[in-house]
């Protein structure tokens, strides 16, 4: 079974568009590697986490920031398909 990515975001903070953008980028990049991306409005104020199945890959509160899309793709790739080339997103 392919993994599912979940983006849990704070709707009160108006982060739905950011979550939708990141979901679209992940769906485009990992079409063959994931089952899908779920957007989950959080009941916790200020929450923005990105998980693969039950493993949290990025937590805005812990990091003190949002992930850059290039960074997010690398983190997800390392978890769902470590051998996948991300092209220009691989250069650091």
PDB file of N, CA and C in Angstrom:
ATOM      1  N   UNK A   1       0.844  -1.196   0.000  1.00  0.00           N
ATOM      2  CA  UNK A   1       0.000   0.000   0.000  1.00  0.00           C
ATOM      3  C   UNK A   1       0.883   1.251   0.000  1.00  0.00           C
ATOM      4  N   UNK A   2       0.568   2.172  -0.865  1.00  0.00           N
ATOM      5  CA  UNK A   2       1.318   3.429  -0.931  1.00  0.00           C
ATOM      6  C   UNK A   2       0.961   4.319   0.256  1.00  0.00           C
ATOM      7  N   UNK A   3       1.917   5.125   0.720  1.00  0.00           N
ATOM      8  CA  UNK A   3       1.649   5.993   1.872  1.00  0.00           C
ATOM      9  C   UNK A   3       0.756   7.182   1.516  1.00  0.00           C
ATOM     10  N   UNK A   4       0.080   7.685   2.545  1.00  0.00           N
ATOM     11  CA  UNK A   4      -0.755   8.878   2.420  1.00  0.00           C
ATOM     12  C   UNK A   4      -0.106  10.007   3.194  1.00  0.00           C
ATOM     13  N   UNK A   5      -0.018  11.156   2.558  1.00  0.00           N
ATOM     14  CA  UNK A   5       0.523  12.353   3.212  1.00  0.00           C
ATOM     15  C   UNK A   5      -0.658  13.145   3.766  1.00  0.00           C
ATOM     16  N   UNK A   6      -0.512  13.618   4.999  1.00  0.00           N
ATOM     17  CA  UNK A   6      -1.540  14.454   5.613  1.00  0.00           C
ATOM     18  C   UNK A   6      -0.934  15.792   5.983  1.00  0.00           C
ATOM     19  N   UNK A   7      -1.588  16.847   5.546  1.00  0.00           N
ATOM     20  CA  UNK A   7      -1.196  18.202   5.950  1.00  0.00           C
ATOM     21  C   UNK A   7      -2.296  18.703   6.881  1.00  0.00           C
ATOM     22  N   UNK A   8      -1.947  18.861   8.149  1.00  0.00           N
ATOM     23  CA  UNK A   8      -2.888  19.378   9.130  1.00  0.00           C
ATOM     24  C   UNK A   8      -2.566  20.846   9.346  1.00  0.00           C
ATOM     25  N   UNK A   9      -3.547  21.693   9.135  1.00  0.00           N
ATOM     26  CA  UNK A   9      -3.328  23.135   9.150  1.00  0.00           C
ATOM     27  C   UNK A   9      -4.377  23.835  10.006  1.00  0.00           C
ATOM     28  N   UNK A  10      -4.038  25.023  10.456  1.00  0.00           N
ATOM     29  CA  UNK A  10      -4.955  25.833  11.257  1.00  0.00           C
ATOM     30  C   UNK A  10      -5.835  26.673  10.323  1.00  0.00           C
ATOM     31  N   UNK A  11      -7.149  26.388  10.272  1.00  0.00           N
ATOM     32  CA  UNK A  11      -8.014  27.189   9.411  1.00  0.00           C
ATOM     33  C   UNK A  11      -8.210  28.611   9.935  1.00  0.00           C
ATOM     34  N   UNK A  12      -8.112  28.794  11.245  1.00  0.00           N
ATOM     35  CA  UNK A  12      -8.265  30.129  11.831  1.00  0.00           C
ATOM     36  C   UNK A  12      -7.109  31.048  11.449  1.00  0.00           C
ATOM     37  N   UNK A  13      -5.958  30.435  11.128  1.00  0.00           N
ATOM     38  CA  UNK A  13      -4.778  31.195  10.711  1.00  0.00           C
ATOM     39  C   UNK A  13      -4.764  31.445   9.200  1.00  0.00           C
ATOM     40  N   UNK A  14      -5.795  30.972   8.505  1.00  0.00           N
ATOM     41  CA  UNK A  14      -5.903  31.107   7.045  1.00  0.00           C
ATOM     42  C   UNK A  14      -4.766  30.408   6.300  1.00  0.00           C
ATOM     43  N   UNK A  15      -4.425  29.214   6.749  1.00  0.00           N
ATOM     44  CA  UNK A  15      -3.332  28.464   6.123  1.00  0.00           C
ATOM     45  C   UNK A  15      -3.810  27.408   5.143  1.00  0.00           C
ATOM     46  N   UNK A  16      -5.097  27.402   4.810  1.00  0.00           N
ATOM     47  CA  UNK A  16      -5.617  26.409   3.877  1.00  0.00           C
ATOM     48  C   UNK A  16      -4.977  26.547   2.490  1.00  0.00           C
ATOM     49  N   UNK A  17      -4.807  27.751   2.000  1.00  0.00           N
ATOM     50  CA  UNK A  17      -4.224  27.941   0.660  1.00  0.00           C
ATOM     51  C   UNK A  17      -2.780  27.459   0.622  1.00  0.00           C
ATOM     52  N   UNK A  18      -2.032  27.708   1.690  1.00  0.00           N
ATOM     53  CA  UNK A  18      -0.649  27.224   1.779  1.00  0.00           C
ATOM     54  C   UNK A  18      -0.643  25.691   1.751  1.00  0.00           C
ATOM     55  N   UNK A  19      -1.552  25.085   2.517  1.00  0.00           N
ATOM     56  CA  UNK A  19      -1.651  23.626   2.560  1.00  0.00           C
ATOM     57  C   UNK A  19      -2.035  23.069   1.189  1.00  0.00           C
ATOM     58  N   UNK A  20      -2.970  23.719   0.519  1.00  0.00           N
ATOM     59  CA  UNK A  20      -3.408  23.275  -0.804  1.00  0.00           C
ATOM     60  C   UNK A  20      -2.273  23.378  -1.823  1.00  0.00           C
ATOM     61  N   UNK A  21      -1.500  24.451  -1.749  1.00  0.00           N
ATOM     62  CA  UNK A  21      -0.359  24.615  -2.650  1.00  0.00           C
ATOM     63  C   UNK A  21       0.665  23.501  -2.428  1.00  0.00           C
ATOM     64  N   UNK A  22       0.979  23.243  -1.160  1.00  0.00           N
ATOM     65  CA  UNK A  22       1.953  22.190  -0.864  1.00  0.00           C
ATOM     66  C   UNK A  22       1.421  20.826  -1.290  1.00  0.00           C
ATOM     67  N   UNK A  23       0.128  20.584  -1.099  1.00  0.00           N
ATOM     68  CA  UNK A  23      -0.476  19.321  -1.525  1.00  0.00           C
ATOM     69  C   UNK A  23      -0.341  19.150  -3.035  1.00  0.00           C
ATOM     70  N   UNK A  24      -0.618  20.203  -3.778  1.00  0.00           N
ATOM     71  CA  UNK A  24      -0.509  20.141  -5.237  1.00  0.00           C
ATOM     72  C   UNK A  24       0.927  19.848  -5.670  1.00  0.00           C
ATOM     73  N   UNK A  25       1.884  20.480  -5.040  1.00  0.00           N
ATOM     74  CA  UNK A  25       3.294  20.238  -5.366  1.00  0.00           C
ATOM     75  C   UNK A  25       3.688  18.790  -5.060  1.00  0.00           C
ATOM     76  N   UNK A  26       3.238  18.274  -3.923  1.00  0.00           N
ATOM     77  CA  UNK A  26       3.565  16.898  -3.552  1.00  0.00           C
ATOM     78  C   UNK A  26       2.882  15.897  -4.476  1.00  0.00           C
ATOM     79  N   UNK A  27       1.634  16.146  -4.833  1.00  0.00           N
ATOM     80  CA  UNK A  27       0.924  15.257  -5.759  1.00  0.00           C
ATOM     81  C   UNK A  27       1.595  15.237  -7.128  1.00  0.00           C
ATOM     82  N   UNK A  28       2.053  16.375  -7.578  1.00  0.00           N
ATOM     83  CA  UNK A  28       2.722  16.456  -8.877  1.00  0.00           C
ATOM     84  C   UNK A  28       4.059  15.719  -8.856  1.00  0.00           C
ATOM     85  N   UNK A  29       4.817  15.897  -7.797  1.00  0.00           N
ATOM     86  CA  UNK A  29       6.153  15.307  -7.697  1.00  0.00           C
ATOM     87  C   UNK A  29       6.115  13.812  -7.408  1.00  0.00           C
ATOM     88  N   UNK A  30       5.165  13.378  -6.590  1.00  0.00           N
ATOM     89  CA  UNK A  30       5.161  11.989  -6.113  1.00  0.00           C
ATOM     90  C   UNK A  30       3.959  11.185  -6.613  1.00  0.00           C
ATOM     91  N   UNK A  31       3.520  11.473  -7.827  1.00  0.00           N
ATOM     92  CA  UNK A  31       2.352  10.811  -8.425  1.00  0.00           C
ATOM     93  C   UNK A  31       2.408   9.294  -8.294  1.00  0.00           C
ATOM     94  N   UNK A  32       3.548   8.694  -8.586  1.00  0.00           N
ATOM     95  CA  UNK A  32       3.672   7.235  -8.581  1.00  0.00           C
ATOM     96  C   UNK A  32       4.061   6.665  -7.220  1.00  0.00           C
ATOM     97  N   UNK A  33       4.365   7.530  -6.256  1.00  0.00           N
ATOM     98  CA  UNK A  33       4.930   7.074  -4.989  1.00  0.00           C
ATOM     99  C   UNK A  33       3.971   7.123  -3.800  1.00  0.00           C
ATOM    100  N   UNK A  34       2.881   7.874  -3.940  1.00  0.00           N
ATOM    101  CA  UNK A  34       1.964   8.044  -2.809  1.00  0.00           C
ATOM    102  C   UNK A  34       0.535   7.715  -3.217  1.00  0.00           C
ATOM    103  N   UNK A  35      -0.263   7.392  -2.220  1.00  0.00           N
ATOM    104  CA  UNK A  35      -1.687   7.128  -2.450  1.00  0.00           C
ATOM    105  C   UNK A  35      -2.435   8.443  -2.656  1.00  0.00           C
ATOM    106  N   UNK A  36      -2.048   9.464  -1.878  1.00  0.00           N
ATOM    107  CA  UNK A  36      -2.700  10.757  -1.995  1.00  0.00           C
ATOM    108  C   UNK A  36      -2.247  11.704  -0.904  1.00  0.00           C
ATOM    109  N   UNK A  37      -2.818  12.900  -0.929  1.00  0.00           N
ATOM    110  CA  UNK A  37      -2.552  13.916   0.088  1.00  0.00           C
ATOM    111  C   UNK A  37      -3.894  14.331   0.679  1.00  0.00           C
ATOM    112  N   UNK A  38      -3.961  14.320   1.993  1.00  0.00           N
ATOM    113  CA  UNK A  38      -5.167  14.717   2.703  1.00  0.00           C
ATOM    114  C   UNK A  38      -4.924  16.051   3.389  1.00  0.00           C
ATOM    115  N   UNK A  39      -5.870  16.981   3.219  1.00  0.00           N
ATOM    116  CA  UNK A  39      -5.827  18.244   3.959  1.00  0.00           C
ATOM    117  C   UNK A  39      -6.757  18.103   5.152  1.00  0.00           C
ATOM    118  N   UNK A  40      -6.223  18.372   6.326  1.00  0.00           N
ATOM    119  CA  UNK A  40      -6.985  18.170   7.556  1.00  0.00           C
ATOM    120  C   UNK A  40      -7.005  19.465   8.368  1.00  0.00           C
ATOM    121  N   UNK A  41      -8.155  20.153   8.452  1.00  0.00           N
ATOM    122  CA  UNK A  41      -8.234  21.355   9.276  1.00  0.00           C
ATOM    123  C   UNK A  41      -8.083  20.968  10.753  1.00  0.00           C
ATOM    124  N   UNK A  42      -7.157  21.613  11.427  1.00  0.00           N
ATOM    125  CA  UNK A  42      -6.862  21.296  12.821  1.00  0.00           C
ATOM    126  C   UNK A  42      -7.776  22.049  13.774  1.00  0.00           C
ATOM    127  N   UNK A  43      -8.036  21.429  14.894  1.00  0.00           N
ATOM    128  CA  UNK A  43      -8.768  22.106  15.962  1.00  0.00           C
ATOM    129  C   UNK A  43      -7.807  22.830  16.897  1.00  0.00           C
ATOM    130  N   UNK A  44      -6.498  22.607  16.699  1.00  0.00           N
ATOM    131  CA  UNK A  44      -5.471  23.242  17.505  1.00  0.00           C
ATOM    132  C   UNK A  44      -4.979  24.496  16.799  1.00  0.00           C
ATOM    133  N   UNK A  45      -5.108  25.613  17.461  1.00  0.00           N
ATOM    134  CA  UNK A  45      -4.704  26.889  16.876  1.00  0.00           C
ATOM    135  C   UNK A  45      -3.201  26.904  16.584  1.00  0.00           C
ATOM    136  N   UNK A  46      -2.845  27.386  15.399  1.00  0.00           N
ATOM    137  CA  UNK A  46      -1.443  27.528  15.015  1.00  0.00           C
ATOM    138  C   UNK A  46      -0.781  26.261  14.526  1.00  0.00           C
ATOM    139  N   UNK A  47      -1.528  25.182  14.395  1.00  0.00           N
ATOM    140  CA  UNK A  47      -0.927  23.903  14.001  1.00  0.00           C
ATOM    141  C   UNK A  47      -0.728  23.820  12.488  1.00  0.00           C
ATOM    142  N   UNK A  48       0.445  23.319  12.107  1.00  0.00           N
ATOM    143  CA  UNK A  48       0.740  23.045  10.704  1.00  0.00           C
ATOM    144  C   UNK A  48       1.764  21.923  10.689  1.00  0.00           C
ATOM    145  N   UNK A  49       1.283  20.704  10.474  1.00  0.00           N
ATOM    146  CA  UNK A  49       2.179  19.556  10.439  1.00  0.00           C
ATOM    147  C   UNK A  49       1.982  18.787   9.136  1.00  0.00           C
ATOM    148  N   UNK A  50       3.060  18.145   8.720  1.00  0.00           N
ATOM    149  CA  UNK A  50       3.021  17.318   7.522  1.00  0.00           C
ATOM    150  C   UNK A  50       3.482  15.930   7.937  1.00  0.00           C
ATOM    151  N   UNK A  51       2.633  14.945   7.664  1.00  0.00           N
ATOM    152  CA  UNK A  51       2.904  13.569   8.079  1.00  0.00           C
ATOM    153  C   UNK A  51       2.794  12.631   6.894  1.00  0.00           C
ATOM    154  N   UNK A  52       3.534  11.530   6.988  1.00  0.00           N
ATOM    155  CA  UNK A  52       3.354  10.421   6.068  1.00  0.00           C
ATOM    156  C   UNK A  52       2.860   9.275   6.933  1.00  0.00           C
ATOM    157  N   UNK A  53       1.650   8.829   6.640  1.00  0.00           N
ATOM    158  CA  UNK A  53       0.946   7.879   7.488  1.00  0.00           C
ATOM    159  C   UNK A  53       0.948   8.450   8.908  1.00  0.00           C
ATOM    160  N   UNK A  54       1.532   7.811   9.882  1.00  0.00           N
ATOM    161  CA  UNK A  54       1.480   8.354  11.247  1.00  0.00           C
ATOM    162  C   UNK A  54       2.787   9.019  11.680  1.00  0.00           C
ATOM    163  N   UNK A  55       3.739   9.165  10.762  1.00  0.00           N
ATOM    164  CA  UNK A  55       5.038   9.753  11.082  1.00  0.00           C
ATOM    165  C   UNK A  55       5.062  11.237  10.723  1.00  0.00           C
ATOM    166  N   UNK A  56       5.251  12.092  11.714  1.00  0.00           N
ATOM    167  CA  UNK A  56       5.332  13.532  11.467  1.00  0.00           C
ATOM    168  C   UNK A  56       6.700  13.844  10.857  1.00  0.00           C
ATOM    169  N   UNK A  57       6.671  14.454   9.660  1.00  0.00           N
ATOM    170  CA  UNK A  57       7.911  14.827   8.978  1.00  0.00           C
ATOM    171  C   UNK A  57       8.291  16.275   9.220  1.00  0.00           C
ATOM    172  N   UNK A  58       7.284  17.120   9.417  1.00  0.00           N
ATOM    173  CA  UNK A  58       7.569  18.542   9.631  1.00  0.00           C
ATOM    174  C   UNK A  58       6.489  19.129  10.530  1.00  0.00           C
ATOM    175  N   UNK A  59       6.925  19.849  11.564  1.00  0.00           N
ATOM    176  CA  UNK A  59       6.012  20.503  12.494  1.00  0.00           C
ATOM    177  C   UNK A  59       6.414  21.973  12.591  1.00  0.00           C
ATOM    178  N   UNK A  60       5.527  22.851  12.164  1.00  0.00           N
ATOM    179  CA  UNK A  60       5.823  24.285  12.150  1.00  0.00           C
ATOM    180  C   UNK A  60       6.189  24.806  13.529  1.00  0.00           C
ATOM    181  N   UNK A  61       5.515  24.335  14.557  1.00  0.00           N
ATOM    182  CA  UNK A  61       5.802  24.821  15.913  1.00  0.00           C
ATOM    183  C   UNK A  61       7.189  24.400  16.383  1.00  0.00           C
ATOM    184  N   UNK A  62       7.588  23.162  16.069  1.00  0.00           N
ATOM    185  CA  UNK A  62       8.926  22.694  16.452  1.00  0.00           C
ATOM    186  C   UNK A  62      10.014  23.427  15.682  1.00  0.00           C
ATOM    187  N   UNK A  63       9.788  23.644  14.390  1.00  0.00           N
ATOM    188  CA  UNK A  63      10.795  24.276  13.534  1.00  0.00           C
ATOM    189  C   UNK A  63      10.787  25.800  13.632  1.00  0.00           C
ATOM    190  N   UNK A  64       9.661  26.357  14.058  1.00  0.00           N
ATOM    191  CA  UNK A  64       9.550  27.811  14.150  1.00  0.00           C
ATOM    192  C   UNK A  64       9.352  28.495  12.810  1.00  0.00           C
ATOM    193  N   UNK A  65       8.936  27.709  11.811  1.00  0.00           N
ATOM    194  CA  UNK A  65       8.769  28.238  10.451  1.00  0.00           C
ATOM    195  C   UNK A  65       8.015  27.212   9.611  1.00  0.00           C
ATOM    196  N   UNK A  66       7.643  27.642   8.409  1.00  0.00           N
ATOM    197  CA  UNK A  66       7.070  26.724   7.430  1.00  0.00           C
ATOM    198  C   UNK A  66       8.209  26.143   6.595  1.00  0.00           C
ATOM    199  N   UNK A  67       8.005  24.956   6.021  1.00  0.00           N
ATOM    200  CA  UNK A  67       9.055  24.404   5.157  1.00  0.00           C
ATOM    201  C   UNK A  67       9.060  25.103   3.798  1.00  0.00           C
ATOM    202  N   UNK A  68      10.231  25.231   3.239  1.00  0.00           N
ATOM    203  CA  UNK A  68      10.332  25.649   1.831  1.00  0.00           C
ATOM    204  C   UNK A  68       9.894  24.437   1.004  1.00  0.00           C
ATOM    205  N   UNK A  69       9.306  24.656  -0.159  1.00  0.00           N
ATOM    206  CA  UNK A  69       8.775  23.546  -0.955  1.00  0.00           C
ATOM    207  C   UNK A  69       9.888  22.581  -1.374  1.00  0.00           C
ATOM    208  N   UNK A  70      11.044  23.116  -1.709  1.00  0.00           N
ATOM    209  CA  UNK A  70      12.182  22.273  -2.086  1.00  0.00           C
ATOM    210  C   UNK A  70      12.580  21.365  -0.922  1.00  0.00           C
ATOM    211  N   UNK A  71      12.652  21.942   0.271  1.00  0.00           N
ATOM    212  CA  UNK A  71      12.982  21.189   1.479  1.00  0.00           C
ATOM    213  C   UNK A  71      11.920  20.120   1.754  1.00  0.00           C
ATOM    214  N   UNK A  72      10.658  20.485   1.611  1.00  0.00           N
ATOM    215  CA  UNK A  72       9.570  19.548   1.862  1.00  0.00           C
ATOM    216  C   UNK A  72       9.641  18.355   0.919  1.00  0.00           C
ATOM    217  N   UNK A  73       9.900  18.621  -0.338  1.00  0.00           N
ATOM    218  CA  UNK A  73      10.011  17.530  -1.307  1.00  0.00           C
ATOM    219  C   UNK A  73      11.149  16.592  -0.939  1.00  0.00           C
ATOM    220  N   UNK A  74      12.271  17.131  -0.484  1.00  0.00           N
ATOM    221  CA  UNK A  74      13.399  16.292  -0.083  1.00  0.00           C
ATOM    222  C   UNK A  74      13.045  15.432   1.126  1.00  0.00           C
ATOM    223  N   UNK A  75      12.364  16.024   2.097  1.00  0.00           N
ATOM    224  CA  UNK A  75      11.967  15.291   3.303  1.00  0.00           C
ATOM    225  C   UNK A  75      11.000  14.161   2.946  1.00  0.00           C
ATOM    226  N   UNK A  76      10.008  14.470   2.128  1.00  0.00           N
ATOM    227  CA  UNK A  76       9.028  13.456   1.725  1.00  0.00           C
ATOM    228  C   UNK A  76       9.708  12.378   0.895  1.00  0.00           C
ATOM    229  N   UNK A  77      10.532  12.766  -0.048  1.00  0.00           N
ATOM    230  CA  UNK A  77      11.244  11.801  -0.891  1.00  0.00           C
ATOM    231  C   UNK A  77      12.061  10.840  -0.036  1.00  0.00           C
ATOM    232  N   UNK A  78      12.787  11.375   0.946  1.00  0.00           N
ATOM    233  CA  UNK A  78      13.622  10.535   1.799  1.00  0.00           C
ATOM    234  C   UNK A  78      12.800   9.506   2.558  1.00  0.00           C
ATOM    235  N   UNK A  79      11.534   9.776   2.748  1.00  0.00           N
ATOM    236  CA  UNK A  79      10.663   8.855   3.479  1.00  0.00           C
ATOM    237  C   UNK A  79       9.924   7.884   2.553  1.00  0.00           C
ATOM    238  N   UNK A  80       9.444   8.361   1.408  1.00  0.00           N
ATOM    239  CA  UNK A  80       8.598   7.503   0.559  1.00  0.00           C
ATOM    240  C   UNK A  80       9.344   6.814  -0.582  1.00  0.00           C
ATOM    241  N   UNK A  81      10.441   7.408  -1.073  1.00  0.00           N
ATOM    242  CA  UNK A  81      11.194   6.820  -2.181  1.00  0.00           C
ATOM    243  C   UNK A  81      12.605   7.401  -2.194  1.00  0.00           C
ATOM    244  N   UNK A  82      13.473   6.917  -1.283  1.00  0.00           N
ATOM    245  CA  UNK A  82      14.811   7.496  -1.129  1.00  0.00           C
ATOM    246  C   UNK A  82      15.653   7.522  -2.404  1.00  0.00           C
ATOM    247  N   UNK A  83      15.405   6.642  -3.347  1.00  0.00           N
ATOM    248  CA  UNK A  83      16.194   6.600  -4.565  1.00  0.00           C
ATOM    249  C   UNK A  83      15.718   7.551  -5.649  1.00  0.00           C
ATOM    250  N   UNK A  84      14.611   8.242  -5.416  1.00  0.00           N
ATOM    251  CA  UNK A  84      14.015   9.111  -6.438  1.00  0.00           C
ATOM    252  C   UNK A  84      14.840  10.380  -6.621  1.00  0.00           C
ATOM    253  N   UNK A  85      15.103  10.716  -7.873  1.00  0.00           N
ATOM    254  CA  UNK A  85      15.760  11.988  -8.186  1.00  0.00           C
ATOM    255  C   UNK A  85      14.716  13.099  -8.233  1.00  0.00           C
ATOM    256  N   UNK A  86      15.055  14.218  -7.623  1.00  0.00           N
ATOM    257  CA  UNK A  86      14.156  15.380  -7.651  1.00  0.00           C
ATOM    258  C   UNK A  86      14.657  16.446  -8.616  1.00  0.00           C
ATOM    259  N   UNK A  87      15.617  16.094  -9.445  1.00  0.00           N
ATOM    260  CA  UNK A  87      16.130  17.067 -10.413  1.00  0.00           C
ATOM    261  C   UNK A  87      16.696  18.290  -9.729  1.00  0.00           C
ATOM    262  N   UNK A  88      16.233  19.469 -10.110  1.00  0.00           N
ATOM    263  CA  UNK A  88      16.780  20.718  -9.565  1.00  0.00           C
ATOM    264  C   UNK A  88      16.499  20.864  -8.073  1.00  0.00           C
ATOM    265  N   UNK A  89      15.507  20.158  -7.539  1.00  0.00           N
ATOM    266  CA  UNK A  89      15.210  20.238  -6.104  1.00  0.00           C
ATOM    267  C   UNK A  89      16.214  19.450  -5.249  1.00  0.00           C
ATOM    268  N   UNK A  90      17.079  18.688  -5.911  1.00  0.00           N
ATOM    269  CA  UNK A  90      18.112  17.959  -5.183  1.00  0.00           C
ATOM    270  C   UNK A  90      19.333  18.808  -4.870  1.00  0.00           C
ATOM    271  N   UNK A  91      19.571  19.843  -5.644  1.00  0.00           N
ATOM    272  CA  UNK A  91      20.738  20.696  -5.379  1.00  0.00           C
ATOM    273  C   UNK A  91      20.469  21.518  -4.124  1.00  0.00           C
ATOM    274  N   UNK A  92      21.454  21.608  -3.280  1.00  0.00           N
ATOM    275  CA  UNK A  92      21.267  22.280  -1.989  1.00  0.00           C
ATOM    276  C   UNK A  92      21.789  23.672  -1.998  1.00  0.00           C
TER     277      UNK A  92
END
